[in-house]
Amino acid sequence: MVRRRPESRGEEKRREEKERKKERRMMDILKDFQRLFFSMSRLTSFPWTVLEENLQSNRSSEFISEILKQGVSSVGPIQEALPLRAHQTACDPLDELYDALAEVIGAEDAGDCYKSYLLPCGEAVSLSESVALISEGTTGLVTWDAALHLAEWALDHRHTFTGRTVLELGSGVGLTGITICRSCSPSRFVFSDCHPGVLHKLRANVRLNGLDERQAPAVSVEHLDWTAATEEKLREIGPDVVIAADVVYDPDVVVSLVTLLSKILRRSTPEVLVCSTVRNPETYGGFKLQLENAGLRHHVITGAGAHVFPYNRLSTIELIRLHT
């Protein structure tokens, strides 16, 4: 009988460190699946390659079951799907997970779904959103990448909003504003939009996340038509910070947006931040030209922040600060 040589102290430490690294890697994968699942991201955006590499040494479904338990534990159909199929078939566990996720994410519904965007503190921003990118004649019923980018920037620059009155233009379903209210401690936050369907959804999402005018931060949802906003209305709001995300998408809209921004910056000196996904360089260039013609200067805010929310980071997204 051959006796195994006892591990030296150095070998034991290396083995323990290797196990810790493996555990951290698995936890990172779990967190990625959790973030992507709760935000109802496309299945192709899930880290399948990384997961497959980590399954090479262990073909059992134990780790996949852990993903189902910790990552998507609130969804009963998925919890039940994998164990049942694993006993009935000899399929690859990775295929089982993909099918189980698709069963829920791809389920047909009445046109709306609930998405949850996980915050660094462990809480979540939960939103009712449209499944279709365009519904009720508007694109404002879904969360767009620029809103997620601006929300991440806010989480890295909380002091910009702490103790201040914030006005958001074109709030849509409310992701950026609710993130700021939940994490950055503004004294007051004014959500705004002009489409009736968007305002209805926005008010519901604000309530869903436990925000109202009776507790800090004081929150309100306002109908604000950029072409008709009065000096009196802007004075009543009195913003210290003005934000807008994904509002530069149509040349006609850009004209009224710049007129409103110019009006805001003429009456006071708030910090104004506009975040845009540059889909059409001509439209975005036209926006900057309109700013220049209105006597408004801007500078681009650069620097990568923490990756908190799932979105397409290959998109061209630009965050600018405006001033006179």
C-alpha atoms as a PDB file:
ATOM      1  CA  MET A   1       0.000   0.000   0.000  1.00  0.00           C
ATOM      2  CA  VAL A   2       1.417   3.374  -1.081  1.00  0.00           C
ATOM      3  CA  ARG A   3       1.094   6.101   1.481  1.00  0.00           C
ATOM      4  CA  ARG A   4       0.453   9.639   0.259  1.00  0.00           C
ATOM      5  CA  ARG A   5       2.975  12.205   1.379  1.00  0.00           C
ATOM      6  CA  PRO A   6       1.389  14.659   3.855  1.00  0.00           C
ATOM      7  CA  GLU A   7       0.852  18.144   2.459  1.00  0.00           C
ATOM      8  CA  SER A   8       3.401  20.743   3.443  1.00  0.00           C
ATOM      9  CA  ARG A   9       2.138  23.991   4.958  1.00  0.00           C
ATOM     10  CA  GLY A  10       2.885  25.796   1.690  1.00  0.00           C
ATOM     11  CA  GLU A  11       0.985  23.228  -0.385  1.00  0.00           C
ATOM     12  CA  GLU A  12      -1.971  23.423   1.969  1.00  0.00           C
ATOM     13  CA  LYS A  13      -2.074  27.223   1.656  1.00  0.00           C
ATOM     14  CA  ARG A  14      -1.910  27.039  -2.155  1.00  0.00           C
ATOM     15  CA  ARG A  15      -4.723  24.476  -2.228  1.00  0.00           C
ATOM     16  CA  GLU A  16      -6.882  26.619   0.080  1.00  0.00           C
ATOM     17  CA  GLU A  17      -6.232  29.734  -2.027  1.00  0.00           C
ATOM     18  CA  LYS A  18      -7.155  27.787  -5.167  1.00  0.00           C
ATOM     19  CA  GLU A  19     -10.433  26.707  -3.546  1.00  0.00           C
ATOM     20  CA  ARG A  20     -11.178  30.287  -2.465  1.00  0.00           C
ATOM     21  CA  LYS A  21     -10.584  31.568  -6.010  1.00  0.00           C
ATOM     22  CA  LYS A  22     -12.875  28.884  -7.396  1.00  0.00           C
ATOM     23  CA  GLU A  23     -15.578  29.794  -4.879  1.00  0.00           C
ATOM     24  CA  ARG A  24     -15.277  33.521  -5.706  1.00  0.00           C
ATOM     25  CA  ARG A  25     -15.525  32.711  -9.414  1.00  0.00           C
ATOM     26  CA  MET A  26     -18.674  30.659  -8.858  1.00  0.00           C
ATOM     27  CA  MET A  27     -20.214  33.450  -6.746  1.00  0.00           C
ATOM     28  CA  ASP A  28     -19.490  35.958  -9.515  1.00  0.00           C
ATOM     29  CA  ILE A  29     -21.313  33.722 -11.999  1.00  0.00           C
ATOM     30  CA  LEU A  30     -24.254  33.388  -9.612  1.00  0.00           C
ATOM     31  CA  LYS A  31     -24.487  37.177  -9.267  1.00  0.00           C
ATOM     32  CA  ASP A  32     -24.326  37.654 -13.046  1.00  0.00           C
ATOM     33  CA  PHE A  33     -27.180  35.205 -13.624  1.00  0.00           C
ATOM     34  CA  GLN A  34     -29.196  36.853 -10.868  1.00  0.00           C
ATOM     35  CA  ARG A  35     -28.771  40.387 -12.299  1.00  0.00           C
ATOM     36  CA  LEU A  36     -29.552  39.305 -15.852  1.00  0.00           C
ATOM     37  CA  PHE A  37     -32.535  37.146 -14.946  1.00  0.00           C
ATOM     38  CA  PHE A  38     -34.312  39.676 -12.757  1.00  0.00           C
ATOM     39  CA  SER A  39     -33.855  42.416 -15.380  1.00  0.00           C
ATOM     40  CA  MET A  40     -35.379  40.062 -17.977  1.00  0.00           C
ATOM     41  CA  SER A  41     -32.297  40.362 -20.190  1.00  0.00           C
ATOM     42  CA  ARG A  42     -32.000  38.448 -23.449  1.00  0.00           C
ATOM     43  CA  LEU A  43     -30.772  34.881 -22.932  1.00  0.00           C
ATOM     44  CA  THR A  44     -27.887  35.489 -25.336  1.00  0.00           C
ATOM     45  CA  SER A  45     -26.467  38.043 -22.882  1.00  0.00           C
ATOM     46  CA  PHE A  46     -26.073  35.474 -20.077  1.00  0.00           C
ATOM     47  CA  PRO A  47     -22.462  34.316 -19.379  1.00  0.00           C
ATOM     48  CA  TRP A  48     -22.901  30.877 -20.945  1.00  0.00           C
ATOM     49  CA  THR A  49     -19.282  30.488 -22.083  1.00  0.00           C
ATOM     50  CA  VAL A  50     -17.912  31.243 -18.616  1.00  0.00           C
ATOM     51  CA  LEU A  51     -20.398  28.847 -17.053  1.00  0.00           C
ATOM     52  CA  GLU A  52     -19.535  26.085 -19.535  1.00  0.00           C
ATOM     53  CA  GLU A  53     -15.817  26.461 -18.797  1.00  0.00           C
ATOM     54  CA  ASN A  54     -16.484  26.094 -15.080  1.00  0.00           C
ATOM     55  CA  LEU A  55     -18.602  22.999 -15.665  1.00  0.00           C
ATOM     56  CA  GLN A  56     -15.870  21.171 -17.604  1.00  0.00           C
ATOM     57  CA  SER A  57     -14.526  19.509 -14.464  1.00  0.00           C
ATOM     58  CA  ASN A  58     -17.941  18.763 -12.995  1.00  0.00           C
ATOM     59  CA  ARG A  59     -20.755  17.551 -15.240  1.00  0.00           C
ATOM     60  CA  SER A  60     -23.338  17.276 -12.477  1.00  0.00           C
ATOM     61  CA  SER A  61     -26.163  19.775 -12.201  1.00  0.00           C
ATOM     62  CA  GLU A  62     -25.213  20.725  -8.630  1.00  0.00           C
ATOM     63  CA  PHE A  63     -23.846  24.159  -9.527  1.00  0.00           C
ATOM     64  CA  ILE A  64     -26.711  24.816 -11.924  1.00  0.00           C
ATOM     65  CA  SER A  65     -29.154  23.941  -9.172  1.00  0.00           C
ATOM     66  CA  GLU A  66     -27.360  26.513  -7.024  1.00  0.00           C
ATOM     67  CA  ILE A  67     -27.928  29.123  -9.738  1.00  0.00           C
ATOM     68  CA  LEU A  68     -31.607  28.271  -9.750  1.00  0.00           C
ATOM     69  CA  LYS A  69     -31.797  28.375  -5.959  1.00  0.00           C
ATOM     70  CA  GLN A  70     -29.869  31.614  -5.376  1.00  0.00           C
ATOM     71  CA  GLY A  71     -30.195  33.429  -8.681  1.00  0.00           C
ATOM     72  CA  VAL A  72     -33.833  32.942  -9.576  1.00  0.00           C
ATOM     73  CA  SER A  73     -35.248  31.550  -6.369  1.00  0.00           C
ATOM     74  CA  SER A  74     -38.436  33.588  -6.483  1.00  0.00           C
ATOM     75  CA  VAL A  75     -39.697  31.935  -9.650  1.00  0.00           C
ATOM     76  CA  GLY A  76     -41.379  28.633  -8.906  1.00  0.00           C
ATOM     77  CA  PRO A  77     -41.605  27.211 -12.449  1.00  0.00           C
ATOM     78  CA  ILE A  78     -37.839  27.396 -12.882  1.00  0.00           C
ATOM     79  CA  GLN A  79     -37.101  25.835  -9.519  1.00  0.00           C
ATOM     80  CA  GLU A  80     -39.242  22.876 -10.447  1.00  0.00           C
ATOM     81  CA  ALA A  81     -38.109  22.538 -14.052  1.00  0.00           C
ATOM     82  CA  LEU A  82     -34.502  21.445 -13.677  1.00  0.00           C
ATOM     83  CA  PRO A  83     -34.811  18.671 -11.062  1.00  0.00           C
ATOM     84  CA  LEU A  84     -37.785  17.169 -12.903  1.00  0.00           C
ATOM     85  CA  ARG A  85     -36.059  17.101 -16.283  1.00  0.00           C
ATOM     86  CA  ALA A  86     -32.735  15.964 -14.858  1.00  0.00           C
ATOM     87  CA  HIS A  87     -34.404  12.766 -13.687  1.00  0.00           C
ATOM     88  CA  GLN A  88     -36.364  12.260 -16.886  1.00  0.00           C
ATOM     89  CA  THR A  89     -33.609  12.894 -19.429  1.00  0.00           C
ATOM     90  CA  ALA A  90     -29.890  12.626 -19.871  1.00  0.00           C
ATOM     91  CA  CYS A  91     -29.543  16.141 -21.302  1.00  0.00           C
ATOM     92  CA  ASP A  92     -26.579  18.405 -20.681  1.00  0.00           C
ATOM     93  CA  PRO A  93     -27.217  20.422 -17.468  1.00  0.00           C
ATOM     94  CA  LEU A  94     -26.357  23.609 -19.357  1.00  0.00           C
ATOM     95  CA  ASP A  95     -29.147  22.887 -21.848  1.00  0.00           C
ATOM     96  CA  GLU A  96     -31.498  22.256 -18.946  1.00  0.00           C
ATOM     97  CA  LEU A  97     -30.751  25.649 -17.421  1.00  0.00           C
ATOM     98  CA  TYR A  98     -31.179  27.432 -20.756  1.00  0.00           C
ATOM     99  CA  ASP A  99     -34.536  25.745 -21.370  1.00  0.00           C
ATOM    100  CA  ALA A 100     -35.747  26.470 -17.849  1.00  0.00           C
ATOM    101  CA  LEU A 101     -34.832  30.150 -18.098  1.00  0.00           C
ATOM    102  CA  ALA A 102     -36.395  30.444 -21.549  1.00  0.00           C
ATOM    103  CA  GLU A 103     -39.613  28.967 -20.198  1.00  0.00           C
ATOM    104  CA  VAL A 104     -40.084  31.968 -17.906  1.00  0.00           C
ATOM    105  CA  ILE A 105     -38.357  34.786 -19.809  1.00  0.00           C
ATOM    106  CA  GLY A 106     -40.021  33.788 -23.052  1.00  0.00           C
ATOM    107  CA  ALA A 107     -43.461  33.296 -21.576  1.00  0.00           C
ATOM    108  CA  GLU A 108     -46.212  35.213 -23.337  1.00  0.00           C
ATOM    109  CA  ASP A 109     -48.048  37.826 -21.330  1.00  0.00           C
ATOM    110  CA  ALA A 110     -50.436  40.722 -21.743  1.00  0.00           C
ATOM    111  CA  GLY A 111     -47.706  43.057 -23.013  1.00  0.00           C
ATOM    112  CA  ASP A 112     -46.177  44.080 -19.682  1.00  0.00           C
ATOM    113  CA  CYS A 113     -43.605  42.452 -17.434  1.00  0.00           C
ATOM    114  CA  TYR A 114     -41.916  43.185 -14.126  1.00  0.00           C
ATOM    115  CA  LYS A 115     -38.161  43.735 -14.107  1.00  0.00           C
ATOM    116  CA  SER A 116     -35.930  44.093 -11.062  1.00  0.00           C
ATOM    117  CA  TYR A 117     -32.607  45.939 -11.209  1.00  0.00           C
ATOM    118  CA  LEU A 118     -30.377  44.964  -8.290  1.00  0.00           C
ATOM    119  CA  LEU A 119     -28.658  47.748  -6.358  1.00  0.00           C
ATOM    120  CA  PRO A 120     -25.234  47.428  -4.682  1.00  0.00           C
ATOM    121  CA  CYS A 121     -26.917  47.529  -1.247  1.00  0.00           C
ATOM    122  CA  GLY A 122     -28.750  44.278  -2.076  1.00  0.00           C
ATOM    123  CA  GLU A 123     -32.151  45.911  -2.604  1.00  0.00           C
ATOM    124  CA  ALA A 124     -33.785  46.223  -6.017  1.00  0.00           C
ATOM    125  CA  VAL A 125     -35.588  48.746  -8.187  1.00  0.00           C
ATOM    126  CA  SER A 126     -38.683  46.919  -9.463  1.00  0.00           C
ATOM    127  CA  LEU A 127     -40.454  48.252 -12.541  1.00  0.00           C
ATOM    128  CA  SER A 128     -43.463  47.404 -14.628  1.00  0.00           C
ATOM    129  CA  GLU A 129     -42.363  47.789 -18.256  1.00  0.00           C
ATOM    130  CA  SER A 130     -43.728  47.087 -21.702  1.00  0.00           C
ATOM    131  CA  VAL A 131     -42.442  43.977 -23.455  1.00  0.00           C
ATOM    132  CA  ALA A 132     -42.501  45.816 -26.800  1.00  0.00           C
ATOM    133  CA  LEU A 133     -39.956  48.572 -27.461  1.00  0.00           C
ATOM    134  CA  ILE A 134     -42.725  50.744 -28.912  1.00  0.00           C
ATOM    135  CA  SER A 135     -46.213  50.604 -27.436  1.00  0.00           C
ATOM    136  CA  GLU A 136     -49.079  53.086 -27.098  1.00  0.00           C
ATOM    137  CA  GLY A 137     -47.262  55.209 -29.676  1.00  0.00           C
ATOM    138  CA  THR A 138     -44.215  55.834 -27.467  1.00  0.00           C
ATOM    139  CA  THR A 139     -40.780  54.391 -26.626  1.00  0.00           C
ATOM    140  CA  GLY A 140     -41.119  55.606 -23.032  1.00  0.00           C
ATOM    141  CA  LEU A 141     -42.514  52.402 -21.522  1.00  0.00           C
ATOM    142  CA  VAL A 142     -39.198  50.515 -21.405  1.00  0.00           C
ATOM    143  CA  THR A 143     -35.819  51.157 -19.761  1.00  0.00           C
ATOM    144  CA  TRP A 144     -33.094  52.180 -22.227  1.00  0.00           C
ATOM    145  CA  ASP A 145     -29.318  51.784 -21.916  1.00  0.00           C
ATOM    146  CA  ALA A 146     -28.598  55.475 -21.316  1.00  0.00           C
ATOM    147  CA  ALA A 147     -30.911  55.436 -18.271  1.00  0.00           C
ATOM    148  CA  LEU A 148     -28.948  52.518 -16.820  1.00  0.00           C
ATOM    149  CA  HIS A 149     -25.643  54.260 -17.581  1.00  0.00           C
ATOM    150  CA  LEU A 150     -26.772  57.473 -15.888  1.00  0.00           C
ATOM    151  CA  ALA A 151     -28.045  55.496 -12.877  1.00  0.00           C
ATOM    152  CA  GLU A 152     -24.627  53.827 -12.527  1.00  0.00           C
ATOM    153  CA  TRP A 153     -22.929  57.231 -12.721  1.00  0.00           C
ATOM    154  CA  ALA A 154     -25.258  58.514 -10.001  1.00  0.00           C
ATOM    155  CA  LEU A 155     -24.326  55.600  -7.742  1.00  0.00           C
ATOM    156  CA  ASP A 156     -20.659  56.547  -8.158  1.00  0.00           C
ATOM    157  CA  HIS A 157     -21.365  60.272  -7.581  1.00  0.00           C
ATOM    158  CA  ARG A 158     -24.000  60.305  -4.850  1.00  0.00           C
ATOM    159  CA  HIS A 159     -22.818  63.659  -3.508  1.00  0.00           C
ATOM    160  CA  THR A 160     -24.163  65.293  -6.692  1.00  0.00           C
ATOM    161  CA  PHE A 161     -27.716  64.535  -5.512  1.00  0.00           C
ATOM    162  CA  THR A 162     -27.524  64.335  -1.718  1.00  0.00           C
ATOM    163  CA  GLY A 163     -29.713  66.935  -0.013  1.00  0.00           C
ATOM    164  CA  ARG A 164     -30.677  68.560  -3.330  1.00  0.00           C
ATOM    165  CA  THR A 165     -33.822  69.059  -5.438  1.00  0.00           C
ATOM    166  CA  VAL A 166     -33.598  67.015  -8.621  1.00  0.00           C
ATOM    167  CA  LEU A 167     -35.735  67.403 -11.749  1.00  0.00           C
ATOM    168  CA  GLU A 168     -35.712  64.572 -14.273  1.00  0.00           C
ATOM    169  CA  LEU A 169     -36.864  65.295 -17.834  1.00  0.00           C
ATOM    170  CA  GLY A 170     -38.424  62.417 -19.750  1.00  0.00           C
ATOM    171  CA  SER A 171     -38.410  60.011 -16.803  1.00  0.00           C
ATOM    172  CA  GLY A 172     -40.017  57.143 -18.731  1.00  0.00           C
ATOM    173  CA  VAL A 173     -40.683  54.174 -16.435  1.00  0.00           C
ATOM    174  CA  GLY A 174     -38.462  55.673 -13.713  1.00  0.00           C
ATOM    175  CA  LEU A 175     -35.294  53.569 -13.422  1.00  0.00           C
ATOM    176  CA  THR A 176     -32.778  56.420 -13.073  1.00  0.00           C
ATOM    177  CA  GLY A 177     -34.882  58.543 -10.755  1.00  0.00           C
ATOM    178  CA  ILE A 178     -35.900  55.698  -8.472  1.00  0.00           C
ATOM    179  CA  THR A 179     -32.268  54.561  -8.221  1.00  0.00           C
ATOM    180  CA  ILE A 180     -31.262  58.085  -7.163  1.00  0.00           C
ATOM    181  CA  CYS A 181     -34.118  58.299  -4.651  1.00  0.00           C
ATOM    182  CA  ARG A 182     -33.232  54.910  -3.146  1.00  0.00           C
ATOM    183  CA  SER A 183     -29.463  55.387  -3.035  1.00  0.00           C
ATOM    184  CA  CYS A 184     -28.416  59.070  -3.212  1.00  0.00           C
ATOM    185  CA  SER A 185     -30.605  60.804  -0.578  1.00  0.00           C
ATOM    186  CA  PRO A 186     -31.942  63.825  -2.507  1.00  0.00           C
ATOM    187  CA  SER A 187     -34.190  66.119  -0.470  1.00  0.00           C
ATOM    188  CA  ARG A 188     -36.761  66.253  -3.281  1.00  0.00           C
ATOM    189  CA  PHE A 189     -37.150  64.501  -6.613  1.00  0.00           C
ATOM    190  CA  VAL A 190     -39.482  65.548  -9.437  1.00  0.00           C
ATOM    191  CA  PHE A 191     -40.152  62.932 -12.108  1.00  0.00           C
ATOM    192  CA  SER A 192     -41.617  64.320 -15.322  1.00  0.00           C
ATOM    193  CA  ASP A 193     -42.948  63.232 -18.694  1.00  0.00           C
ATOM    194  CA  CYS A 194     -45.750  64.255 -21.030  1.00  0.00           C
ATOM    195  CA  HIS A 195     -47.225  61.044 -22.493  1.00  0.00           C
ATOM    196  CA  PRO A 196     -50.391  59.962 -20.569  1.00  0.00           C
ATOM    197  CA  GLY A 197     -49.538  56.261 -20.763  1.00  0.00           C
ATOM    198  CA  VAL A 198     -45.975  56.860 -19.579  1.00  0.00           C
ATOM    199  CA  LEU A 199     -47.143  59.042 -16.685  1.00  0.00           C
ATOM    200  CA  HIS A 200     -49.611  56.355 -15.597  1.00  0.00           C
ATOM    201  CA  LYS A 201     -46.891  53.687 -15.639  1.00  0.00           C
ATOM    202  CA  LEU A 202     -44.383  56.027 -13.966  1.00  0.00           C
ATOM    203  CA  ARG A 203     -46.726  56.831 -11.079  1.00  0.00           C
ATOM    204  CA  ALA A 204     -47.387  53.111 -10.564  1.00  0.00           C
ATOM    205  CA  ASN A 205     -43.645  52.349 -10.512  1.00  0.00           C
ATOM    206  CA  VAL A 206     -42.921  55.161  -8.059  1.00  0.00           C
ATOM    207  CA  ARG A 207     -45.567  53.738  -5.710  1.00  0.00           C
ATOM    208  CA  LEU A 208     -44.301  50.198  -6.285  1.00  0.00           C
ATOM    209  CA  ASN A 209     -40.903  51.259  -4.942  1.00  0.00           C
ATOM    210  CA  GLY A 210     -42.365  52.867  -1.809  1.00  0.00           C
ATOM    211  CA  LEU A 211     -41.812  56.504  -2.797  1.00  0.00           C
ATOM    212  CA  ASP A 212     -44.246  59.380  -2.223  1.00  0.00           C
ATOM    213  CA  GLU A 213     -44.413  63.045  -1.258  1.00  0.00           C
ATOM    214  CA  ARG A 214     -44.974  62.341   2.445  1.00  0.00           C
ATOM    215  CA  GLN A 215     -41.527  60.945   3.259  1.00  0.00           C
ATOM    216  CA  ALA A 216     -37.932  61.731   2.403  1.00  0.00           C
ATOM    217  CA  PRO A 217     -37.137  62.200  -0.328  1.00  0.00           C
ATOM    218  CA  ALA A 218     -40.311  64.106  -1.196  1.00  0.00           C
ATOM    219  CA  VAL A 219     -41.306  62.711  -4.587  1.00  0.00           C
ATOM    220  CA  SER A 220     -43.749  63.972  -7.201  1.00  0.00           C
ATOM    221  CA  VAL A 221     -44.634  62.973 -10.759  1.00  0.00           C
ATOM    222  CA  GLU A 222     -45.382  65.958 -12.991  1.00  0.00           C
ATOM    223  CA  HIS A 223     -46.798  66.413 -16.472  1.00  0.00           C
ATOM    224  CA  LEU A 224     -44.176  68.579 -18.178  1.00  0.00           C
ATOM    225  CA  ASP A 225     -44.563  69.481 -21.837  1.00  0.00           C
ATOM    226  CA  TRP A 226     -41.203  70.865 -22.986  1.00  0.00           C
ATOM    227  CA  THR A 227     -42.869  73.197 -25.481  1.00  0.00           C
ATOM    228  CA  ALA A 228     -45.176  74.709 -22.861  1.00  0.00           C
ATOM    229  CA  ALA A 229     -43.164  74.720 -19.613  1.00  0.00           C
ATOM    230  CA  THR A 230     -43.472  78.143 -18.024  1.00  0.00           C
ATOM    231  CA  GLU A 231     -40.966  80.174 -16.029  1.00  0.00           C
ATOM    232  CA  GLU A 232     -43.413  79.979 -13.118  1.00  0.00           C
ATOM    233  CA  LYS A 233     -43.452  76.166 -13.256  1.00  0.00           C
ATOM    234  CA  LEU A 234     -39.662  75.961 -13.347  1.00  0.00           C
ATOM    235  CA  ARG A 235     -39.393  78.457 -10.491  1.00  0.00           C
ATOM    236  CA  GLU A 236     -41.871  76.378  -8.470  1.00  0.00           C
ATOM    237  CA  ILE A 237     -39.730  73.249  -8.929  1.00  0.00           C
ATOM    238  CA  GLY A 238     -36.472  75.142  -8.290  1.00  0.00           C
ATOM    239  CA  PRO A 239     -34.093  72.311  -9.261  1.00  0.00           C
ATOM    240  CA  ASP A 240     -30.494  72.162  -8.061  1.00  0.00           C
ATOM    241  CA  VAL A 241     -29.854  69.297 -10.483  1.00  0.00           C
ATOM    242  CA  VAL A 242     -31.536  68.499 -13.808  1.00  0.00           C
ATOM    243  CA  ILE A 243     -31.049  65.098 -15.460  1.00  0.00           C
ATOM    244  CA  ALA A 244     -32.261  63.463 -18.645  1.00  0.00           C
ATOM    245  CA  ALA A 245     -31.494  60.104 -20.248  1.00  0.00           C
ATOM    246  CA  ASP A 246     -32.127  58.934 -23.804  1.00  0.00           C
ATOM    247  CA  VAL A 247     -34.094  62.016 -24.806  1.00  0.00           C
ATOM    248  CA  VAL A 248     -32.019  62.907 -27.904  1.00  0.00           C
ATOM    249  CA  TYR A 249     -33.603  60.651 -30.512  1.00  0.00           C
ATOM    250  CA  ASP A 250     -35.594  62.917 -32.843  1.00  0.00           C
ATOM    251  CA  PRO A 251     -34.590  66.258 -34.445  1.00  0.00           C
ATOM    252  CA  ASP A 252     -38.001  67.779 -33.679  1.00  0.00           C
ATOM    253  CA  VAL A 253     -37.785  66.769 -30.018  1.00  0.00           C
ATOM    254  CA  VAL A 254     -34.245  68.185 -29.803  1.00  0.00           C
ATOM    255  CA  VAL A 255     -35.458  71.705 -30.622  1.00  0.00           C
ATOM    256  CA  SER A 256     -37.957  71.790 -27.730  1.00  0.00           C
ATOM    257  CA  LEU A 257     -35.451  70.094 -25.384  1.00  0.00           C
ATOM    258  CA  VAL A 258     -32.750  72.694 -26.029  1.00  0.00           C
ATOM    259  CA  THR A 259     -35.295  75.522 -25.630  1.00  0.00           C
ATOM    260  CA  LEU A 260     -36.294  74.136 -22.236  1.00  0.00           C
ATOM    261  CA  LEU A 261     -32.681  73.570 -21.112  1.00  0.00           C
ATOM    262  CA  SER A 262     -31.816  77.112 -22.137  1.00  0.00           C
ATOM    263  CA  LYS A 263     -34.785  78.433 -20.143  1.00  0.00           C
ATOM    264  CA  ILE A 264     -33.685  76.414 -17.070  1.00  0.00           C
ATOM    265  CA  LEU A 265     -30.070  77.613 -17.248  1.00  0.00           C
ATOM    266  CA  ARG A 266     -31.045  81.253 -17.809  1.00  0.00           C
ATOM    267  CA  ARG A 267     -33.102  81.469 -14.628  1.00  0.00           C
ATOM    268  CA  SER A 268     -30.594  79.736 -12.295  1.00  0.00           C
ATOM    269  CA  THR A 269     -27.407  77.685 -12.289  1.00  0.00           C
ATOM    270  CA  PRO A 270     -28.397  74.056 -11.655  1.00  0.00           C
ATOM    271  CA  GLU A 271     -26.142  71.164 -12.564  1.00  0.00           C
ATOM    272  CA  VAL A 272     -27.526  69.756 -15.838  1.00  0.00           C
ATOM    273  CA  LEU A 273     -26.641  66.240 -16.983  1.00  0.00           C
ATOM    274  CA  VAL A 274     -27.814  64.671 -20.246  1.00  0.00           C
ATOM    275  CA  CYS A 275     -27.004  61.041 -21.060  1.00  0.00           C
ATOM    276  CA  SER A 276     -27.539  59.730 -24.596  1.00  0.00           C
ATOM    277  CA  THR A 277     -27.088  56.583 -26.617  1.00  0.00           C
ATOM    278  CA  VAL A 278     -25.698  57.842 -29.920  1.00  0.00           C
ATOM    279  CA  ARG A 279     -27.740  55.836 -32.427  1.00  0.00           C
ATOM    280  CA  ASN A 280     -27.750  58.470 -35.168  1.00  0.00           C
ATOM    281  CA  PRO A 281     -24.596  60.655 -35.187  1.00  0.00           C
ATOM    282  CA  GLU A 282     -26.368  63.242 -37.343  1.00  0.00           C
ATOM    283  CA  THR A 283     -29.203  63.690 -34.835  1.00  0.00           C
ATOM    284  CA  TYR A 284     -26.772  63.822 -31.889  1.00  0.00           C
ATOM    285  CA  GLY A 285     -24.521  66.259 -33.729  1.00  0.00           C
ATOM    286  CA  GLY A 286     -27.591  68.391 -34.444  1.00  0.00           C
ATOM    287  CA  PHE A 287     -28.358  68.428 -30.699  1.00  0.00           C
ATOM    288  CA  LYS A 288     -24.885  69.746 -29.877  1.00  0.00           C
ATOM    289  CA  LEU A 289     -25.155  72.365 -32.612  1.00  0.00           C
ATOM    290  CA  GLN A 290     -28.504  73.497 -31.180  1.00  0.00           C
ATOM    291  CA  LEU A 291     -26.871  73.798 -27.745  1.00  0.00           C
ATOM    292  CA  GLU A 292     -24.100  75.932 -29.203  1.00  0.00           C
ATOM    293  CA  ASN A 293     -26.571  78.163 -31.050  1.00  0.00           C
ATOM    294  CA  ALA A 294     -28.482  78.656 -27.776  1.00  0.00           C
ATOM    295  CA  GLY A 295     -25.297  79.774 -26.031  1.00  0.00           C
ATOM    296  CA  LEU A 296     -25.008  76.576 -23.979  1.00  0.00           C
ATOM    297  CA  ARG A 297     -21.631  74.931 -23.569  1.00  0.00           C
ATOM    298  CA  HIS A 298     -20.998  71.344 -22.616  1.00  0.00           C
ATOM    299  CA  HIS A 299     -18.232  68.971 -21.674  1.00  0.00           C
ATOM    300  CA  VAL A 300     -18.173  65.208 -21.872  1.00  0.00           C
ATOM    301  CA  ILE A 301     -17.916  63.262 -18.619  1.00  0.00           C
ATOM    302  CA  THR A 302     -15.552  60.322 -19.068  1.00  0.00           C
ATOM    303  CA  GLY A 303     -14.314  57.525 -16.879  1.00  0.00           C
ATOM    304  CA  ALA A 304     -15.686  54.039 -16.356  1.00  0.00           C
ATOM    305  CA  GLY A 305     -17.746  53.393 -13.262  1.00  0.00           C
ATOM    306  CA  ALA A 306     -18.822  50.241 -11.458  1.00  0.00           C
ATOM    307  CA  HIS A 307     -20.784  47.748 -13.542  1.00  0.00           C
ATOM    308  CA  VAL A 308     -24.044  47.493 -11.611  1.00  0.00           C
ATOM    309  CA  PHE A 309     -26.782  47.038 -14.210  1.00  0.00           C
ATOM    310  CA  PRO A 310     -26.912  44.790 -17.280  1.00  0.00           C
ATOM    311  CA  TYR A 311     -26.912  46.642 -20.596  1.00  0.00           C
ATOM    312  CA  ASN A 312     -25.012  46.698 -23.877  1.00  0.00           C
ATOM    313  CA  ARG A 313     -21.675  48.313 -23.023  1.00  0.00           C
ATOM    314  CA  LEU A 314     -20.601  48.211 -26.659  1.00  0.00           C
ATOM    315  CA  SER A 315     -23.160  50.923 -27.424  1.00  0.00           C
ATOM    316  CA  THR A 316     -21.873  54.477 -27.816  1.00  0.00           C
ATOM    317  CA  ILE A 317     -23.217  56.248 -24.733  1.00  0.00           C
ATOM    318  CA  GLU A 318     -22.197  59.800 -23.841  1.00  0.00           C
ATOM    319  CA  LEU A 319     -22.845  61.749 -20.656  1.00  0.00           C
ATOM    320  CA  ILE A 320     -22.460  65.533 -20.867  1.00  0.00           C
ATOM    321  CA  ARG A 321     -22.684  68.375 -18.350  1.00  0.00           C
ATOM    322  CA  LEU A 322     -24.198  71.648 -19.618  1.00  0.00           C
ATOM    323  CA  HIS A 323     -23.427  75.206 -18.551  1.00  0.00           C
ATOM    324  CA  THR A 324     -23.758  78.736 -19.898  1.00  0.00           C
END
